[in-house]
Amino acid sequence: MTPFDGKTLSWKLTGQVFELALHRQPCNEIGSASLEELEEFAVQLKDQASEARVLIIHSQLPAGFSAGADLRETYRLLQSLTPAERAAGVRNFLERIHRVFNCIDASPLITLAAVHGVVFGGGFELALTCDMIVADRSARFCFPELRLGLIPGFGGIPRLKRDLSNSLVRDLLLTGRSISATKATAAGLVSQLVGQGEALRVARGVAAQITKMDCNATTAAKRFIKPIPYEELRQEIDLFCELFNRPVVEAALRKFVESSDVQPYLP
């Protein structure tokens, strides 16, 4: 397979390990450009299923794994479209990102997210599509969407419910607070907690171990223990779209865009 190096991400296949690297400044915000390249990646992921055994998703940026959706682009969308156009545009974007994330979630490859720093919103949702999260001690996990009058829209709620106890799910969603990698490990969200800067190296070591296992057995085991909550994912899209067109959301996005803070997405 020919390696790909795009504007927001890149990928390569080394042996039986497929690596997706995020590199959109400042912190891998997911907007239209990222989505287009993620859709190309999803096609490659399906095509490489016969050659690759493991997928590792990681970030090349020091700020973190991903700050989530590109809220500045979202605000510009609100300003340039009619309410009806906004509703259709948001639903189309969500349906597209869900197709990509569902592809990763349901892939026969064993998938690892190697995370550090900011793992917020849509970035957290991307990590949740993976079978295992390897986190360095700098990682912090957060769903700040309710601060904007929204809910996570990239599949985060059903996947978080699938993986964690309901009490922590409610805590993360309803307070918008961030939790440390240490707390995330204790809750069972993170499979391995490692030293700062070590997440990708450790994830590659885990990948090497996985490739020694029987391919059919690992695929069957993954399918058995990791159901995809498709119906709840569709419901999440409907609820997000219902909330999105309200004036309070536009006001919150305006406040975010006009903020002079270096990282206004931080709690």
C-alpha atoms as a PDB file:
ATOM      1  CA  MET A   1       0.000   0.000   0.000  1.00  0.00           C
ATOM      2  CA  THR A   2       1.220   3.496  -0.846  1.00  0.00           C
ATOM      3  CA  PRO A   3       1.509   5.702   2.263  1.00  0.00           C
ATOM      4  CA  PHE A   4      -0.743   8.768   2.373  1.00  0.00           C
ATOM      5  CA  ASP A   5       0.245  12.187   3.732  1.00  0.00           C
ATOM      6  CA  GLY A   6      -2.666  14.612   3.704  1.00  0.00           C
ATOM      7  CA  LYS A   7      -3.444  18.053   5.112  1.00  0.00           C
ATOM      8  CA  THR A   8      -4.900  16.739   8.369  1.00  0.00           C
ATOM      9  CA  LEU A   9      -3.739  13.145   8.706  1.00  0.00           C
ATOM     10  CA  SER A  10      -1.524  10.453   7.223  1.00  0.00           C
ATOM     11  CA  TRP A  11      -1.378   6.691   7.183  1.00  0.00           C
ATOM     12  CA  LYS A  12       1.002   3.884   6.412  1.00  0.00           C
ATOM     13  CA  LEU A  13       1.119   0.106   6.592  1.00  0.00           C
ATOM     14  CA  THR A  14       4.189  -1.425   8.230  1.00  0.00           C
ATOM     15  CA  GLY A  15       4.084  -5.190   8.148  1.00  0.00           C
ATOM     16  CA  GLN A  16       0.680  -6.059   9.559  1.00  0.00           C
ATOM     17  CA  VAL A  17       0.211  -2.802  11.466  1.00  0.00           C
ATOM     18  CA  PHE A  18      -1.795   0.043   9.931  1.00  0.00           C
ATOM     19  CA  GLU A  19      -1.058   3.446  11.508  1.00  0.00           C
ATOM     20  CA  LEU A  20      -3.239   6.549  11.252  1.00  0.00           C
ATOM     21  CA  ALA A  21      -1.464   9.728  12.393  1.00  0.00           C
ATOM     22  CA  LEU A  22      -3.394  12.950  13.074  1.00  0.00           C
ATOM     23  CA  HIS A  23      -1.518  16.201  12.404  1.00  0.00           C
ATOM     24  CA  ARG A  24      -3.879  19.121  11.917  1.00  0.00           C
ATOM     25  CA  GLN A  25      -2.812  22.185  13.909  1.00  0.00           C
ATOM     26  CA  PRO A  26      -3.477  23.259  16.588  1.00  0.00           C
ATOM     27  CA  CYS A  27      -5.009  20.115  18.114  1.00  0.00           C
ATOM     28  CA  ASN A  28      -6.527  17.910  15.400  1.00  0.00           C
ATOM     29  CA  GLU A  29      -9.914  19.635  15.313  1.00  0.00           C
ATOM     30  CA  ILE A  30     -12.276  17.610  13.142  1.00  0.00           C
ATOM     31  CA  GLY A  31     -13.839  19.692  10.373  1.00  0.00           C
ATOM     32  CA  SER A  32     -14.727  19.226   6.728  1.00  0.00           C
ATOM     33  CA  ALA A  33     -11.120  18.714   5.575  1.00  0.00           C
ATOM     34  CA  SER A  34     -10.467  16.119   8.289  1.00  0.00           C
ATOM     35  CA  LEU A  35     -13.735  14.352   7.486  1.00  0.00           C
ATOM     36  CA  GLU A  36     -12.892  14.070   3.792  1.00  0.00           C
ATOM     37  CA  GLU A  37      -9.531  12.494   4.586  1.00  0.00           C
ATOM     38  CA  LEU A  38     -11.073  10.244   7.229  1.00  0.00           C
ATOM     39  CA  GLU A  39     -13.514   9.006   4.603  1.00  0.00           C
ATOM     40  CA  GLU A  40     -10.577   8.156   2.328  1.00  0.00           C
ATOM     41  CA  PHE A  41      -8.963   6.379   5.258  1.00  0.00           C
ATOM     42  CA  ALA A  42     -12.135   4.328   5.901  1.00  0.00           C
ATOM     43  CA  VAL A  43     -11.973   3.040   2.336  1.00  0.00           C
ATOM     44  CA  GLN A  44      -8.339   2.060   2.815  1.00  0.00           C
ATOM     45  CA  LEU A  45      -9.144   0.419   6.145  1.00  0.00           C
ATOM     46  CA  LYS A  46     -11.621  -1.908   4.450  1.00  0.00           C
ATOM     47  CA  ASP A  47      -9.221  -2.590   1.575  1.00  0.00           C
ATOM     48  CA  GLN A  48      -6.333  -3.457   3.917  1.00  0.00           C
ATOM     49  CA  ALA A  49      -8.325  -5.834   6.123  1.00  0.00           C
ATOM     50  CA  SER A  50      -6.802  -8.839   4.356  1.00  0.00           C
ATOM     51  CA  GLU A  51      -3.211  -7.646   4.944  1.00  0.00           C
ATOM     52  CA  ALA A  52      -3.269  -5.740   8.240  1.00  0.00           C
ATOM     53  CA  ARG A  53      -4.032  -7.167  11.676  1.00  0.00           C
ATOM     54  CA  VAL A  54      -3.858  -4.063  13.863  1.00  0.00           C
ATOM     55  CA  LEU A  55      -4.722  -0.369  13.543  1.00  0.00           C
ATOM     56  CA  ILE A  56      -3.057   2.294  15.723  1.00  0.00           C
ATOM     57  CA  ILE A  57      -4.481   5.828  15.786  1.00  0.00           C
ATOM     58  CA  HIS A  58      -2.254   8.527  17.288  1.00  0.00           C
ATOM     59  CA  SER A  59      -1.425  12.226  17.122  1.00  0.00           C
ATOM     60  CA  GLN A  60       1.798  13.840  15.982  1.00  0.00           C
ATOM     61  CA  LEU A  61       0.994  17.127  17.750  1.00  0.00           C
ATOM     62  CA  PRO A  62       2.254  18.044  21.240  1.00  0.00           C
ATOM     63  CA  ALA A  63      -1.109  19.537  22.327  1.00  0.00           C
ATOM     64  CA  GLY A  64      -2.794  16.167  22.401  1.00  0.00           C
ATOM     65  CA  PHE A  65      -4.790  13.543  20.585  1.00  0.00           C
ATOM     66  CA  SER A  66      -7.689  15.744  19.451  1.00  0.00           C
ATOM     67  CA  ALA A  67      -9.701  18.682  20.775  1.00  0.00           C
ATOM     68  CA  GLY A  68     -12.797  17.429  18.940  1.00  0.00           C
ATOM     69  CA  ALA A  69     -15.035  19.134  16.410  1.00  0.00           C
ATOM     70  CA  ASP A  70     -13.866  22.271  14.605  1.00  0.00           C
ATOM     71  CA  LEU A  71     -16.150  24.727  16.400  1.00  0.00           C
ATOM     72  CA  ARG A  72     -14.931  27.736  14.436  1.00  0.00           C
ATOM     73  CA  GLU A  73     -15.903  26.064  11.196  1.00  0.00           C
ATOM     74  CA  THR A  74     -19.234  25.085  12.765  1.00  0.00           C
ATOM     75  CA  TYR A  75     -19.902  28.705  13.710  1.00  0.00           C
ATOM     76  CA  ARG A  76     -19.090  29.909  10.190  1.00  0.00           C
ATOM     77  CA  LEU A  77     -21.579  27.332   8.905  1.00  0.00           C
ATOM     78  CA  LEU A  78     -24.253  28.750  11.194  1.00  0.00           C
ATOM     79  CA  GLN A  79     -23.603  32.270   9.920  1.00  0.00           C
ATOM     80  CA  SER A  80     -23.694  31.414   6.225  1.00  0.00           C
ATOM     81  CA  LEU A  81     -26.782  29.180   5.988  1.00  0.00           C
ATOM     82  CA  THR A  82     -30.506  29.427   6.557  1.00  0.00           C
ATOM     83  CA  PRO A  83     -31.968  27.408   9.470  1.00  0.00           C
ATOM     84  CA  ALA A  84     -33.198  24.743   7.047  1.00  0.00           C
ATOM     85  CA  GLU A  85     -29.801  24.559   5.344  1.00  0.00           C
ATOM     86  CA  ARG A  86     -28.074  24.365   8.719  1.00  0.00           C
ATOM     87  CA  ALA A  87     -30.214  21.429   9.799  1.00  0.00           C
ATOM     88  CA  ALA A  88     -29.536  19.521   6.587  1.00  0.00           C
ATOM     89  CA  GLY A  89     -25.817  20.347   6.666  1.00  0.00           C
ATOM     90  CA  VAL A  90     -25.353  19.274  10.270  1.00  0.00           C
ATOM     91  CA  ARG A  91     -27.229  16.007   9.767  1.00  0.00           C
ATOM     92  CA  ASN A  92     -25.202  15.234   6.640  1.00  0.00           C
ATOM     93  CA  PHE A  93     -21.912  15.900   8.472  1.00  0.00           C
ATOM     94  CA  LEU A  94     -22.944  13.715  11.421  1.00  0.00           C
ATOM     95  CA  GLU A  95     -24.091  10.862   9.215  1.00  0.00           C
ATOM     96  CA  ARG A  96     -20.778  10.965   7.346  1.00  0.00           C
ATOM     97  CA  ILE A  97     -18.646  11.012  10.502  1.00  0.00           C
ATOM     98  CA  HIS A  98     -20.744   8.209  11.996  1.00  0.00           C
ATOM     99  CA  ARG A  99     -20.109   6.059   8.914  1.00  0.00           C
ATOM    100  CA  VAL A 100     -16.355   6.533   9.356  1.00  0.00           C
ATOM    101  CA  PHE A 101     -16.395   5.930  13.115  1.00  0.00           C
ATOM    102  CA  ASN A 102     -18.674   2.890  12.731  1.00  0.00           C
ATOM    103  CA  CYS A 103     -16.224   1.527  10.147  1.00  0.00           C
ATOM    104  CA  ILE A 104     -13.372   1.796  12.659  1.00  0.00           C
ATOM    105  CA  ASP A 105     -15.510   0.410  15.491  1.00  0.00           C
ATOM    106  CA  ALA A 106     -16.625  -2.631  13.482  1.00  0.00           C
ATOM    107  CA  SER A 107     -13.322  -3.256  11.689  1.00  0.00           C
ATOM    108  CA  PRO A 108     -11.995  -6.830  11.937  1.00  0.00           C
ATOM    109  CA  LEU A 109      -8.608  -5.301  12.798  1.00  0.00           C
ATOM    110  CA  ILE A 110      -7.736  -4.903  16.453  1.00  0.00           C
ATOM    111  CA  THR A 111      -7.709  -1.150  16.994  1.00  0.00           C
ATOM    112  CA  LEU A 112      -5.611   0.871  19.439  1.00  0.00           C
ATOM    113  CA  ALA A 113      -5.773   4.580  20.284  1.00  0.00           C
ATOM    114  CA  ALA A 114      -2.440   5.906  21.571  1.00  0.00           C
ATOM    115  CA  VAL A 115      -3.382   9.162  23.298  1.00  0.00           C
ATOM    116  CA  HIS A 116      -1.790  12.042  25.170  1.00  0.00           C
ATOM    117  CA  GLY A 117      -2.778  15.525  26.232  1.00  0.00           C
ATOM    118  CA  VAL A 118      -6.205  16.729  25.134  1.00  0.00           C
ATOM    119  CA  VAL A 119      -8.694  13.934  24.360  1.00  0.00           C
ATOM    120  CA  PHE A 120     -11.863  16.028  24.195  1.00  0.00           C
ATOM    121  CA  GLY A 121     -15.239  15.884  22.485  1.00  0.00           C
ATOM    122  CA  GLY A 122     -14.987  14.335  19.040  1.00  0.00           C
ATOM    123  CA  GLY A 123     -11.410  13.292  19.773  1.00  0.00           C
ATOM    124  CA  PHE A 124     -12.632  11.349  22.799  1.00  0.00           C
ATOM    125  CA  GLU A 125     -15.320   9.839  20.568  1.00  0.00           C
ATOM    126  CA  LEU A 126     -12.692   8.747  18.039  1.00  0.00           C
ATOM    127  CA  ALA A 127     -10.682   7.071  20.813  1.00  0.00           C
ATOM    128  CA  LEU A 128     -13.843   5.260  21.958  1.00  0.00           C
ATOM    129  CA  THR A 129     -14.195   3.562  18.572  1.00  0.00           C
ATOM    130  CA  CYS A 130     -10.987   1.663  19.314  1.00  0.00           C
ATOM    131  CA  ASP A 131     -10.747  -1.674  21.107  1.00  0.00           C
ATOM    132  CA  MET A 132      -8.103  -0.410  23.525  1.00  0.00           C
ATOM    133  CA  ILE A 133      -6.800   2.977  24.655  1.00  0.00           C
ATOM    134  CA  VAL A 134      -3.141   3.343  25.613  1.00  0.00           C
ATOM    135  CA  ALA A 135      -2.703   6.665  27.409  1.00  0.00           C
ATOM    136  CA  ASP A 136       0.301   8.538  28.676  1.00  0.00           C
ATOM    137  CA  ARG A 137      -0.024  10.351  31.999  1.00  0.00           C
ATOM    138  CA  SER A 138      -0.652  13.725  30.362  1.00  0.00           C
ATOM    139  CA  ALA A 139      -3.946  12.601  28.811  1.00  0.00           C
ATOM    140  CA  ARG A 140      -7.213  14.155  29.941  1.00  0.00           C
ATOM    141  CA  PHE A 141     -10.639  13.022  28.768  1.00  0.00           C
ATOM    142  CA  CYS A 142     -13.658  15.298  28.541  1.00  0.00           C
ATOM    143  CA  PHE A 143     -17.053  15.827  26.905  1.00  0.00           C
ATOM    144  CA  PRO A 144     -17.536  19.631  27.075  1.00  0.00           C
ATOM    145  CA  GLU A 145     -20.443  19.709  24.596  1.00  0.00           C
ATOM    146  CA  LEU A 146     -23.155  20.460  27.154  1.00  0.00           C
ATOM    147  CA  ARG A 147     -21.413  23.807  27.777  1.00  0.00           C
ATOM    148  CA  LEU A 148     -22.489  24.672  24.220  1.00  0.00           C
ATOM    149  CA  GLY A 149     -26.065  23.458  24.665  1.00  0.00           C
ATOM    150  CA  LEU A 150     -25.276  20.269  22.734  1.00  0.00           C
ATOM    151  CA  ILE A 151     -24.469  16.625  23.352  1.00  0.00           C
ATOM    152  CA  PRO A 152     -21.593  14.595  21.903  1.00  0.00           C
ATOM    153  CA  GLY A 153     -22.585  13.931  18.300  1.00  0.00           C
ATOM    154  CA  PHE A 154     -19.940  11.604  16.867  1.00  0.00           C
ATOM    155  CA  GLY A 155     -21.193   8.493  18.669  1.00  0.00           C
ATOM    156  CA  GLY A 156     -19.728   9.183  22.085  1.00  0.00           C
ATOM    157  CA  ILE A 157     -22.723   8.545  24.320  1.00  0.00           C
ATOM    158  CA  PRO A 158     -23.589   4.997  23.150  1.00  0.00           C
ATOM    159  CA  ARG A 159     -19.930   3.974  23.052  1.00  0.00           C
ATOM    160  CA  LEU A 160     -19.194   5.415  26.486  1.00  0.00           C
ATOM    161  CA  LYS A 161     -22.246   3.600  27.882  1.00  0.00           C
ATOM    162  CA  ARG A 162     -20.988   0.399  26.285  1.00  0.00           C
ATOM    163  CA  ASP A 163     -17.582   0.657  27.938  1.00  0.00           C
ATOM    164  CA  LEU A 164     -18.152   2.276  31.350  1.00  0.00           C
ATOM    165  CA  SER A 165     -20.470   2.266  34.343  1.00  0.00           C
ATOM    166  CA  ASN A 166     -23.508   4.540  34.076  1.00  0.00           C
ATOM    167  CA  SER A 167     -22.422   6.644  37.058  1.00  0.00           C
ATOM    168  CA  LEU A 168     -19.193   7.760  35.369  1.00  0.00           C
ATOM    169  CA  VAL A 169     -20.999   8.255  32.056  1.00  0.00           C
ATOM    170  CA  ARG A 170     -23.450  10.632  33.742  1.00  0.00           C
ATOM    171  CA  ASP A 171     -20.601  12.397  35.545  1.00  0.00           C
ATOM    172  CA  LEU A 172     -18.637  13.035  32.350  1.00  0.00           C
ATOM    173  CA  LEU A 173     -21.656  14.113  30.313  1.00  0.00           C
ATOM    174  CA  LEU A 174     -23.590  16.190  32.817  1.00  0.00           C
ATOM    175  CA  THR A 175     -20.695  18.061  34.456  1.00  0.00           C
ATOM    176  CA  GLY A 176     -18.439  18.535  31.425  1.00  0.00           C
ATOM    177  CA  ARG A 177     -15.438  18.041  33.693  1.00  0.00           C
ATOM    178  CA  SER A 178     -12.262  16.366  32.503  1.00  0.00           C
ATOM    179  CA  ILE A 179     -10.722  13.316  34.095  1.00  0.00           C
ATOM    180  CA  SER A 180      -7.088  12.335  34.233  1.00  0.00           C
ATOM    181  CA  ALA A 181      -5.530   9.326  32.574  1.00  0.00           C
ATOM    182  CA  THR A 182      -5.073   7.811  36.032  1.00  0.00           C
ATOM    183  CA  LYS A 183      -8.787   8.070  36.846  1.00  0.00           C
ATOM    184  CA  ALA A 184      -9.690   6.851  33.346  1.00  0.00           C
ATOM    185  CA  THR A 185      -7.500   3.791  33.912  1.00  0.00           C
ATOM    186  CA  ALA A 186      -9.096   3.066  37.276  1.00  0.00           C
ATOM    187  CA  ALA A 187     -12.547   3.304  35.631  1.00  0.00           C
ATOM    188  CA  GLY A 188     -11.582   0.804  32.920  1.00  0.00           C
ATOM    189  CA  LEU A 189     -11.574   3.288  30.064  1.00  0.00           C
ATOM    190  CA  VAL A 190      -7.804   3.085  29.518  1.00  0.00           C
ATOM    191  CA  SER A 191      -6.233  -0.342  29.129  1.00  0.00           C
ATOM    192  CA  GLN A 192      -2.635   0.769  29.712  1.00  0.00           C
ATOM    193  CA  LEU A 193      -1.309   3.866  31.492  1.00  0.00           C
ATOM    194  CA  VAL A 194       2.265   4.702  30.462  1.00  0.00           C
ATOM    195  CA  GLY A 195       4.884   7.389  30.960  1.00  0.00           C
ATOM    196  CA  GLN A 196       4.695  10.688  29.144  1.00  0.00           C
ATOM    197  CA  GLY A 197       5.617  10.331  25.494  1.00  0.00           C
ATOM    198  CA  GLU A 198       5.449   6.527  25.634  1.00  0.00           C
ATOM    199  CA  ALA A 199       1.913   5.818  24.357  1.00  0.00           C
ATOM    200  CA  LEU A 200       2.780   5.168  20.707  1.00  0.00           C
ATOM    201  CA  ARG A 201       5.814   3.022  21.561  1.00  0.00           C
ATOM    202  CA  VAL A 202       3.761   0.882  23.932  1.00  0.00           C
ATOM    203  CA  ALA A 203       0.867   0.644  21.451  1.00  0.00           C
ATOM    204  CA  ARG A 204       3.300  -0.651  18.833  1.00  0.00           C
ATOM    205  CA  GLY A 205       4.477  -3.266  21.328  1.00  0.00           C
ATOM    206  CA  VAL A 206       0.879  -4.344  21.957  1.00  0.00           C
ATOM    207  CA  ALA A 207       0.319  -4.512  18.200  1.00  0.00           C
ATOM    208  CA  ALA A 208       3.356  -6.772  17.787  1.00  0.00           C
ATOM    209  CA  GLN A 209       1.934  -9.117  20.423  1.00  0.00           C
ATOM    210  CA  ILE A 210      -1.502  -9.162  18.759  1.00  0.00           C
ATOM    211  CA  THR A 211      -0.033 -10.144  15.408  1.00  0.00           C
ATOM    212  CA  LYS A 212       1.236 -13.357  17.031  1.00  0.00           C
ATOM    213  CA  MET A 213      -2.326 -14.432  17.858  1.00  0.00           C
ATOM    214  CA  ASP A 214      -4.536 -16.454  15.521  1.00  0.00           C
ATOM    215  CA  CYS A 215      -6.260 -14.020  13.138  1.00  0.00           C
ATOM    216  CA  ASN A 216      -9.621 -15.788  12.992  1.00  0.00           C
ATOM    217  CA  ALA A 217      -9.767 -16.219  16.748  1.00  0.00           C
ATOM    218  CA  THR A 218      -9.038 -12.550  17.499  1.00  0.00           C
ATOM    219  CA  THR A 219     -11.607 -11.389  14.936  1.00  0.00           C
ATOM    220  CA  ALA A 220     -14.249 -13.728  16.344  1.00  0.00           C
ATOM    221  CA  ALA A 221     -13.486 -12.669  19.920  1.00  0.00           C
ATOM    222  CA  LYS A 222     -13.744  -8.978  19.031  1.00  0.00           C
ATOM    223  CA  ARG A 223     -17.070  -9.477  17.273  1.00  0.00           C
ATOM    224  CA  PHE A 224     -18.395 -11.384  20.303  1.00  0.00           C
ATOM    225  CA  ILE A 225     -17.359  -8.922  23.019  1.00  0.00           C
ATOM    226  CA  LYS A 226     -17.836  -5.609  21.193  1.00  0.00           C
ATOM    227  CA  PRO A 227     -21.400  -5.063  19.953  1.00  0.00           C
ATOM    228  CA  ILE A 228     -22.016  -1.916  17.896  1.00  0.00           C
ATOM    229  CA  PRO A 229     -24.973   0.105  19.312  1.00  0.00           C
ATOM    230  CA  TYR A 230     -26.326   1.148  15.908  1.00  0.00           C
ATOM    231  CA  GLU A 231     -29.832   2.095  17.053  1.00  0.00           C
ATOM    232  CA  GLU A 232     -28.564   4.316  19.874  1.00  0.00           C
ATOM    233  CA  LEU A 233     -26.072   5.895  17.484  1.00  0.00           C
ATOM    234  CA  ARG A 234     -28.930   6.878  15.158  1.00  0.00           C
ATOM    235  CA  GLN A 235     -30.864   8.273  18.116  1.00  0.00           C
ATOM    236  CA  GLU A 236     -27.853  10.367  19.103  1.00  0.00           C
ATOM    237  CA  ILE A 237     -27.791  12.012  15.664  1.00  0.00           C
ATOM    238  CA  ASP A 238     -31.502  12.870  15.961  1.00  0.00           C
ATOM    239  CA  LEU A 239     -31.057  14.384  19.418  1.00  0.00           C
ATOM    240  CA  PHE A 240     -28.004  16.410  18.394  1.00  0.00           C
ATOM    241  CA  CYS A 241     -29.853  17.836  15.375  1.00  0.00           C
ATOM    242  CA  GLU A 242     -32.844  18.664  17.556  1.00  0.00           C
ATOM    243  CA  LEU A 243     -30.622  20.681  19.909  1.00  0.00           C
ATOM    244  CA  PHE A 244     -28.362  22.292  17.314  1.00  0.00           C
ATOM    245  CA  ASN A 245     -30.671  24.914  15.742  1.00  0.00           C
ATOM    246  CA  ARG A 246     -31.432  26.734  19.005  1.00  0.00           C
ATOM    247  CA  PRO A 247     -30.218  30.337  19.567  1.00  0.00           C
ATOM    248  CA  VAL A 248     -28.396  29.292  22.759  1.00  0.00           C
ATOM    249  CA  VAL A 249     -26.059  27.090  20.695  1.00  0.00           C
ATOM    250  CA  GLU A 250     -25.228  29.890  18.283  1.00  0.00           C
ATOM    251  CA  ALA A 251     -24.536  32.229  21.218  1.00  0.00           C
ATOM    252  CA  ALA A 252     -22.251  29.678  22.884  1.00  0.00           C
ATOM    253  CA  LEU A 253     -20.348  29.075  19.649  1.00  0.00           C
ATOM    254  CA  ARG A 254     -19.960  32.834  19.148  1.00  0.00           C
ATOM    255  CA  LYS A 255     -18.520  33.149  22.655  1.00  0.00           C
ATOM    256  CA  PHE A 256     -16.074  30.321  21.888  1.00  0.00           C
ATOM    257  CA  VAL A 257     -14.967  31.843  18.573  1.00  0.00           C
ATOM    258  CA  GLU A 258     -14.507  35.313  20.058  1.00  0.00           C
ATOM    259  CA  SER A 259     -12.584  34.039  23.081  1.00  0.00           C
ATOM    260  CA  SER A 260      -8.998  35.233  23.404  1.00  0.00           C
ATOM    261  CA  ASP A 261      -8.000  32.192  25.453  1.00  0.00           C
ATOM    262  CA  VAL A 262      -5.250  30.067  23.946  1.00  0.00           C
ATOM    263  CA  GLN A 263      -7.323  26.905  24.466  1.00  0.00           C
ATOM    264  CA  PRO A 264     -10.932  27.985  25.095  1.00  0.00           C
ATOM    265  CA  TYR A 265     -12.115  24.371  24.888  1.00  0.00           C
ATOM    266  CA  LEU A 266     -10.436  23.520  28.182  1.00  0.00           C
ATOM    267  CA  PRO A 267     -12.686  23.291  31.272  1.00  0.00           C
END
